[in-house]
PDB file of all heavy atoms in Angstrom:
ATOM      1  N   LYS A   1      48.498 -97.440  19.204  1.00  0.00           N
ATOM      2  CA  LYS A   1      48.782 -96.739  20.452  1.00  0.00           C
ATOM      3  C   LYS A   1      50.016 -97.249  21.158  1.00  0.00           C
ATOM      4  O   LYS A   1      50.456 -96.709  22.153  1.00  0.00           O
ATOM      5  CB  LYS A   1      47.576 -96.867  21.434  1.00  0.00           C
ATOM      6  CG  LYS A   1      46.260 -96.298  20.886  1.00  0.00           C
ATOM      7  CD  LYS A   1      45.105 -96.505  21.860  1.00  0.00           C
ATOM      8  CE  LYS A   1      43.788 -96.061  21.263  1.00  0.00           C
ATOM      9  NZ  LYS A   1      43.723 -94.606  21.078  1.00  0.00           N
ATOM     10  N   LEU A   2      50.581 -98.336  20.646  1.00  0.00           N
ATOM     11  CA  LEU A   2      51.775 -98.969  21.244  1.00  0.00           C
ATOM     12  C   LEU A   2      53.019 -98.673  20.398  1.00  0.00           C
ATOM     13  O   LEU A   2      52.929 -98.456  19.193  1.00  0.00           O
ATOM     14  CB  LEU A   2      51.588-100.496  21.337  1.00  0.00           C
ATOM     15  CG  LEU A   2      50.411-101.028  22.185  1.00  0.00           C
ATOM     16  CD1 LEU A   2      50.279-102.530  21.948  1.00  0.00           C
ATOM     17  CD2 LEU A   2      50.651-100.734  23.631  1.00  0.00           C
ATOM     18  N   PRO A   3      54.186 -98.729  21.026  1.00  0.00           N
ATOM     19  CA  PRO A   3      55.442 -98.603  20.236  1.00  0.00           C
ATOM     20  C   PRO A   3      55.470 -99.730  19.209  1.00  0.00           C
ATOM     21  O   PRO A   3      55.163-100.852  19.515  1.00  0.00           O
ATOM     22  CB  PRO A   3      56.538 -98.807  21.287  1.00  0.00           C
ATOM     23  CG  PRO A   3      55.886 -98.428  22.588  1.00  0.00           C
ATOM     24  CD  PRO A   3      54.467 -98.809  22.497  1.00  0.00           C
ATOM     25  N   LYS A   4      55.811 -99.394  17.969  1.00  0.00           N
ATOM     26  CA  LYS A   4      55.710-100.318  16.869  1.00  0.00           C
ATOM     27  C   LYS A   4      56.457-101.619  17.084  1.00  0.00           C
ATOM     28  O   LYS A   4      55.907-102.735  16.878  1.00  0.00           O
ATOM     29  CB  LYS A   4      56.265 -99.615  15.599  1.00  0.00           C
ATOM     30  CG  LYS A   4      55.955-100.385  14.331  1.00  0.00           C
ATOM     31  CD  LYS A   4      56.397 -99.563  13.109  1.00  0.00           C
ATOM     32  CE  LYS A   4      56.066-100.343  11.836  1.00  0.00           C
ATOM     33  NZ  LYS A   4      56.495 -99.568  10.610  1.00  0.00           N
ATOM     34  N   GLU A   5      57.679-101.533  17.569  1.00  0.00           N
ATOM     35  CA  GLU A   5      58.477-102.761  17.757  1.00  0.00           C
ATOM     36  C   GLU A   5      57.926-103.618  18.870  1.00  0.00           C
ATOM     37  O   GLU A   5      57.845-104.856  18.742  1.00  0.00           O
ATOM     38  CB  GLU A   5      59.940-102.372  18.108  1.00  0.00           C
ATOM     39  CG  GLU A   5      60.860-103.585  18.138  1.00  0.00           C
ATOM     40  CD  GLU A   5      62.315-103.209  18.393  1.00  0.00           C
ATOM     41  OE1 GLU A   5      62.664-102.004  18.323  1.00  0.00           O
ATOM     42  OE2 GLU A   5      63.086-104.124  18.678  1.00  0.00           O
ATOM     43  N   GLU A   6      57.440-103.017  19.960  1.00  0.00           N
ATOM     44  CA  GLU A   6      56.884-103.760  21.080  1.00  0.00           C
ATOM     45  C   GLU A   6      55.587-104.457  20.669  1.00  0.00           C
ATOM     46  O   GLU A   6      55.322-105.565  21.095  1.00  0.00           O
ATOM     47  CB  GLU A   6      56.658-102.835  22.306  1.00  0.00           C
ATOM     48  CG  GLU A   6      57.963-102.348  22.902  1.00  0.00           C
ATOM     49  CD  GLU A   6      57.732-101.562  24.190  1.00  0.00           C
ATOM     50  OE1 GLU A   6      56.565-101.535  24.666  1.00  0.00           O
ATOM     51  OE2 GLU A   6      58.718-100.984  24.682  1.00  0.00           O
ATOM     52  N   ALA A   7      54.772-103.780  19.890  1.00  0.00           N
ATOM     53  CA  ALA A   7      53.507-104.378  19.415  1.00  0.00           C
ATOM     54  C   ALA A   7      53.821-105.629  18.531  1.00  0.00           C
ATOM     55  O   ALA A   7      53.171-106.660  18.678  1.00  0.00           O
ATOM     56  CB  ALA A   7      52.709-103.356  18.623  1.00  0.00           C
ATOM     57  N   PHE A   8      54.837-105.483  17.679  1.00  0.00           N
ATOM     58  CA  PHE A   8      55.225-106.574  16.820  1.00  0.00           C
ATOM     59  C   PHE A   8      55.709-107.791  17.601  1.00  0.00           C
ATOM     60  O   PHE A   8      55.294-108.913  17.361  1.00  0.00           O
ATOM     61  CB  PHE A   8      56.309-106.115  15.840  1.00  0.00           C
ATOM     62  CG  PHE A   8      56.939-107.212  15.022  1.00  0.00           C
ATOM     63  CD1 PHE A   8      56.249-107.707  13.893  1.00  0.00           C
ATOM     64  CD2 PHE A   8      58.162-107.757  15.373  1.00  0.00           C
ATOM     65  CE1 PHE A   8      56.824-108.736  13.161  1.00  0.00           C
ATOM     66  CE2 PHE A   8      58.704-108.807  14.641  1.00  0.00           C
ATOM     67  CZ  PHE A   8      58.040-109.311  13.522  1.00  0.00           C
ATOM     68  N   LEU A   9      56.562-107.533  18.593  1.00  0.00           N
ATOM     69  CA  LEU A   9      57.102-108.611  19.433  1.00  0.00           C
ATOM     70  C   LEU A   9      56.034-109.308  20.268  1.00  0.00           C
ATOM     71  O   LEU A   9      56.022-110.513  20.424  1.00  0.00           O
ATOM     72  CB  LEU A   9      58.228-108.062  20.316  1.00  0.00           C
ATOM     73  CG  LEU A   9      59.493-107.614  19.651  1.00  0.00           C
ATOM     74  CD1 LEU A   9      60.430-106.919  20.627  1.00  0.00           C
ATOM     75  CD2 LEU A   9      60.214-108.802  18.984  1.00  0.00           C
ATOM     76  N   LEU A  10      55.074-108.478  20.764  1.00  0.00           N
ATOM     77  CA  LEU A  10      53.989-109.037  21.592  1.00  0.00           C
ATOM     78  C   LEU A  10      53.083-109.952  20.742  1.00  0.00           C
ATOM     79  O   LEU A  10      52.710-111.047  21.161  1.00  0.00           O
ATOM     80  CB  LEU A  10      53.183-107.907  22.207  1.00  0.00           C
ATOM     81  CG  LEU A  10      52.130-108.316  23.245  1.00  0.00           C
ATOM     82  CD1 LEU A  10      52.708-109.206  24.345  1.00  0.00           C
ATOM     83  CD2 LEU A  10      51.459-107.078  23.848  1.00  0.00           C
ATOM     84  N   LYS A  11      52.814-109.516  19.531  1.00  0.00           N
ATOM     85  CA  LYS A  11      51.986-110.308  18.590  1.00  0.00           C
ATOM     86  C   LYS A  11      52.701-111.643  18.286  1.00  0.00           C
ATOM     87  O   LYS A  11      52.068-112.683  18.294  1.00  0.00           O
ATOM     88  CB  LYS A  11      51.716-109.543  17.300  1.00  0.00           C
ATOM     89  CG  LYS A  11      50.522-108.604  17.376  1.00  0.00           C
ATOM     90  CD  LYS A  11      50.400-107.736  16.139  1.00  0.00           C
ATOM     91  CE  LYS A  11      50.084-108.531  14.919  1.00  0.00           C
ATOM     92  NZ  LYS A  11      49.918-107.679  13.711  1.00  0.00           N
ATOM     93  N   LYS A  12      53.973-111.527  18.004  1.00  0.00           N
ATOM     94  CA  LYS A  12      54.731-112.729  17.643  1.00  0.00           C
ATOM     95  C   LYS A  12      54.806-113.707  18.828  1.00  0.00           C
ATOM     96  O   LYS A  12      54.673-114.919  18.640  1.00  0.00           O
ATOM     97  CB  LYS A  12      56.156-112.306  17.225  1.00  0.00           C
ATOM     98  CG  LYS A  12      56.940-113.454  16.592  1.00  0.00           C
ATOM     99  CD  LYS A  12      58.073-112.877  15.777  1.00  0.00           C
ATOM    100  CE  LYS A  12      58.811-113.954  14.990  1.00  0.00           C
ATOM    101  NZ  LYS A  12      57.980-114.596  13.943  1.00  0.00           N
ATOM    102  N   GLU A  13      54.938-113.180  20.040  1.00  0.00           N
ATOM    103  CA  GLU A  13      54.994-114.028  21.236  1.00  0.00           C
ATOM    104  C   GLU A  13      53.686-114.780  21.427  1.00  0.00           C
ATOM    105  O   GLU A  13      53.688-115.977  21.657  1.00  0.00           O
ATOM    106  CB  GLU A  13      55.247-113.135  22.443  1.00  0.00           C
ATOM    107  CG  GLU A  13      55.311-113.915  23.766  1.00  0.00           C
ATOM    108  CD  GLU A  13      55.392-112.988  24.986  1.00  0.00           C
ATOM    109  OE1 GLU A  13      55.697-111.773  24.816  1.00  0.00           O
ATOM    110  OE2 GLU A  13      55.141-113.480  26.080  1.00  0.00           O
ATOM    111  N   ILE A  14      52.566-114.105  21.255  1.00  0.00           N
ATOM    112  CA  ILE A  14      51.271-114.726  21.421  1.00  0.00           C
ATOM    113  C   ILE A  14      51.031-115.770  20.308  1.00  0.00           C
ATOM    114  O   ILE A  14      50.514-116.853  20.585  1.00  0.00           O
ATOM    115  CB  ILE A  14      50.131-113.685  21.446  1.00  0.00           C
ATOM    116  CG1 ILE A  14      50.228-112.835  22.667  1.00  0.00           C
ATOM    117  CG2 ILE A  14      48.756-114.328  21.325  1.00  0.00           C
ATOM    118  CD1 ILE A  14      49.329-111.644  22.691  1.00  0.00           C
ATOM    119  N   GLU A  15      51.382-115.442  19.098  1.00  0.00           N
ATOM    120  CA  GLU A  15      51.216-116.387  17.967  1.00  0.00           C
ATOM    121  C   GLU A  15      51.970-117.664  18.233  1.00  0.00           C
ATOM    122  O   GLU A  15      51.469-118.755  18.033  1.00  0.00           O
ATOM    123  CB  GLU A  15      51.701-115.729  16.659  1.00  0.00           C
ATOM    124  CG  GLU A  15      50.715-114.724  16.078  1.00  0.00           C
ATOM    125  CD  GLU A  15      51.286-114.012  14.873  1.00  0.00           C
ATOM    126  OE1 GLU A  15      52.444-114.279  14.516  1.00  0.00           O
ATOM    127  OE2 GLU A  15      50.560-113.180  14.298  1.00  0.00           O
ATOM    128  N   GLU A  16      53.209-117.524  18.705  1.00  0.00           N
ATOM    129  CA  GLU A  16      54.062-118.708  18.953  1.00  0.00           C
ATOM    130  C   GLU A  16      53.474-119.574  20.079  1.00  0.00           C
ATOM    131  O   GLU A  16      53.423-120.805  19.989  1.00  0.00           O
ATOM    132  CB  GLU A  16      55.485-118.313  19.269  1.00  0.00           C
ATOM    133  CG  GLU A  16      56.245-117.771  18.033  1.00  0.00           C
ATOM    134  CD  GLU A  16      57.604-117.214  18.375  1.00  0.00           C
ATOM    135  OE1 GLU A  16      57.955-117.146  19.583  1.00  0.00           O
ATOM    136  OE2 GLU A  16      58.319-116.819  17.453  1.00  0.00           O
ATOM    137  N   LYS A  17      53.034-118.919  21.156  1.00  0.00           N
ATOM    138  CA  LYS A  17      52.441-119.668  22.271  1.00  0.00           C
ATOM    139  C   LYS A  17      51.170-120.363  21.870  1.00  0.00           C
ATOM    140  O   LYS A  17      50.887-121.502  22.229  1.00  0.00           O
ATOM    141  CB  LYS A  17      52.150-118.704  23.454  1.00  0.00           C
ATOM    142  CG  LYS A  17      53.377-118.303  24.208  1.00  0.00           C
ATOM    143  CD  LYS A  17      52.995-117.405  25.402  1.00  0.00           C
ATOM    144  CE  LYS A  17      54.212-117.010  26.212  1.00  0.00           C
ATOM    145  NZ  LYS A  17      53.846-116.121  27.348  1.00  0.00           N
ATOM    146  N   ALA A  18      50.310-119.668  21.097  1.00  0.00           N
ATOM    147  CA  ALA A  18      49.048-120.234  20.650  1.00  0.00           C
ATOM    148  C   ALA A  18      49.261-121.427  19.740  1.00  0.00           C
ATOM    149  O   ALA A  18      48.610-122.455  19.882  1.00  0.00           O
ATOM    150  CB  ALA A  18      48.231-119.162  19.915  1.00  0.00           C
ATOM    151  N   LYS A  19      50.225-121.293  18.793  1.00  0.00           N
ATOM    152  CA  LYS A  19      50.523-122.402  17.881  1.00  0.00           C
ATOM    153  C   LYS A  19      51.050-123.615  18.650  1.00  0.00           C
ATOM    154  O   LYS A  19      50.709-124.750  18.274  1.00  0.00           O
ATOM    155  CB  LYS A  19      51.549-121.950  16.829  1.00  0.00           C
ATOM    156  CG  LYS A  19      50.957-121.027  15.765  1.00  0.00           C
ATOM    157  CD  LYS A  19      52.020-120.518  14.801  1.00  0.00           C
ATOM    158  CE  LYS A  19      51.426-119.591  13.777  1.00  0.00           C
ATOM    159  NZ  LYS A  19      52.465-119.000  12.880  1.00  0.00           N
ATOM    160  N   GLU A  20      51.871-123.369  19.640  1.00  0.00           N
ATOM    161  CA  GLU A  20      52.412-124.471  20.468  1.00  0.00           C
ATOM    162  C   GLU A  20      51.283-125.221  21.197  1.00  0.00           C
ATOM    163  O   GLU A  20      51.245-126.453  21.200  1.00  0.00           O
ATOM    164  CB  GLU A  20      53.427-123.916  21.472  1.00  0.00           C
ATOM    165  CG  GLU A  20      54.129-125.024  22.247  1.00  0.00           C
ATOM    166  CD  GLU A  20      55.104-124.461  23.287  1.00  0.00           C
ATOM    167  OE1 GLU A  20      55.393-123.219  23.252  1.00  0.00           O
ATOM    168  OE2 GLU A  20      55.633-125.243  24.060  1.00  0.00           O
ATOM    169  N   ILE A  21      50.346-124.433  21.795  1.00  0.00           N
ATOM    170  CA  ILE A  21      49.249-125.070  22.500  1.00  0.00           C
ATOM    171  C   ILE A  21      48.371-125.898  21.560  1.00  0.00           C
ATOM    172  O   ILE A  21      47.978-127.020  21.825  1.00  0.00           O
ATOM    173  CB  ILE A  21      48.377-123.994  23.221  1.00  0.00           C
ATOM    174  CG1 ILE A  21      49.147-123.432  24.411  1.00  0.00           C
ATOM    175  CG2 ILE A  21      47.027-124.572  23.690  1.00  0.00           C
ATOM    176  CD1 ILE A  21      48.410-122.242  25.059  1.00  0.00           C
ATOM    177  N   LEU A  22      48.062-125.327  20.411  1.00  0.00           N
ATOM    178  CA  LEU A  22      47.221-125.970  19.430  1.00  0.00           C
ATOM    179  C   LEU A  22      47.859-127.266  18.909  1.00  0.00           C
ATOM    180  O   LEU A  22      47.189-128.268  18.684  1.00  0.00           O
ATOM    181  CB  LEU A  22      46.892-125.043  18.243  1.00  0.00           C
ATOM    182  CG  LEU A  22      45.979-123.861  18.598  1.00  0.00           C
ATOM    183  CD1 LEU A  22      45.973-122.829  17.502  1.00  0.00           C
ATOM    184  CD2 LEU A  22      44.554-124.363  18.853  1.00  0.00           C
ATOM    185  N   GLU A  23      49.175-127.242  18.712  1.00  0.00           N
ATOM    186  CA  GLU A  23      49.869-128.439  18.250  1.00  0.00           C
ATOM    187  C   GLU A  23      49.848-129.533  19.339  1.00  0.00           C
ATOM    188  O   GLU A  23      49.654-130.705  19.037  1.00  0.00           O
ATOM    189  CB  GLU A  23      51.305-128.124  17.838  1.00  0.00           C
ATOM    190  CG  GLU A  23      52.034-129.250  17.160  1.00  0.00           C
ATOM    191  CD  GLU A  23      51.260-129.873  16.011  1.00  0.00           C
ATOM    192  OE1 GLU A  23      50.622-129.150  15.198  1.00  0.00           O
ATOM    193  OE2 GLU A  23      51.278-131.106  15.922  1.00  0.00           O
ATOM    194  N   ASN A  24      50.020-129.116  20.611  1.00  0.00           N
ATOM    195  CA  ASN A  24      49.973-130.052  21.712  1.00  0.00           C
ATOM    196  C   ASN A  24      48.591-130.682  21.845  1.00  0.00           C
ATOM    197  O   ASN A  24      48.426-131.869  22.082  1.00  0.00           O
ATOM    198  CB  ASN A  24      50.356-129.371  23.031  1.00  0.00           C
ATOM    199  CG  ASN A  24      51.818-129.010  23.106  1.00  0.00           C
ATOM    200  OD1 ASN A  24      52.613-129.585  22.367  1.00  0.00           O
ATOM    201  ND2 ASN A  24      52.175-128.035  23.933  1.00  0.00           N
ATOM    202  N   ILE A  25      47.548-129.827  21.669  1.00  0.00           N
ATOM    203  CA  ILE A  25      46.146-130.318  21.715  1.00  0.00           C
ATOM    204  C   ILE A  25      45.954-131.315  20.580  1.00  0.00           C
ATOM    205  O   ILE A  25      45.351-132.385  20.797  1.00  0.00           O
ATOM    206  CB  ILE A  25      45.144-129.146  21.542  1.00  0.00           C
ATOM    207  CG1 ILE A  25      45.201-128.213  22.748  1.00  0.00           C
ATOM    208  CG2 ILE A  25      43.738-129.662  21.344  1.00  0.00           C
ATOM    209  CD1 ILE A  25      44.406-126.939  22.525  1.00  0.00           C
ATOM    210  N   ASN A  26      46.431-131.002  19.419  1.00  0.00           N
ATOM    211  CA  ASN A  26      46.262-131.865  18.266  1.00  0.00           C
ATOM    212  C   ASN A  26      46.855-133.256  18.538  1.00  0.00           C
ATOM    213  O   ASN A  26      46.187-134.268  18.302  1.00  0.00           O
ATOM    214  CB  ASN A  26      46.928-131.215  17.028  1.00  0.00           C
ATOM    215  CG  ASN A  26      46.774-132.070  15.787  1.00  0.00           C
ATOM    216  OD1 ASN A  26      45.674-132.349  15.385  1.00  0.00           O
ATOM    217  ND2 ASN A  26      47.871-132.457  15.189  1.00  0.00           N
ATOM    218  N   VAL A  27      48.085-133.289  19.055  1.00  0.00           N
ATOM    219  CA  VAL A  27      48.756-134.563  19.315  1.00  0.00           C
ATOM    220  C   VAL A  27      48.045-135.319  20.430  1.00  0.00           C
ATOM    221  O   VAL A  27      47.761-136.530  20.294  1.00  0.00           O
ATOM    222  CB  VAL A  27      50.233-134.314  19.703  1.00  0.00           C
ATOM    223  CG1 VAL A  27      50.876-135.613  20.138  1.00  0.00           C
ATOM    224  CG2 VAL A  27      50.989-133.719  18.525  1.00  0.00           C
ATOM    225  N   SER A  28      47.711-134.633  21.510  1.00  0.00           N
ATOM    226  CA  SER A  28      47.081-135.265  22.674  1.00  0.00           C
ATOM    227  C   SER A  28      45.707-135.806  22.332  1.00  0.00           C
ATOM    228  O   SER A  28      45.398-136.989  22.625  1.00  0.00           O
ATOM    229  CB  SER A  28      46.896-134.238  23.804  1.00  0.00           C
ATOM    230  OG  SER A  28      47.872-134.384  24.753  1.00  0.00           O
TER     231      SER A  28
END
């Protein structure tokens, strides 16, 4: 239901933020 490019960018943004949080949790 979303524009293809915007959906892709939104998914990538969330993936990057999630991975960053998880790595910070891992170290801490």
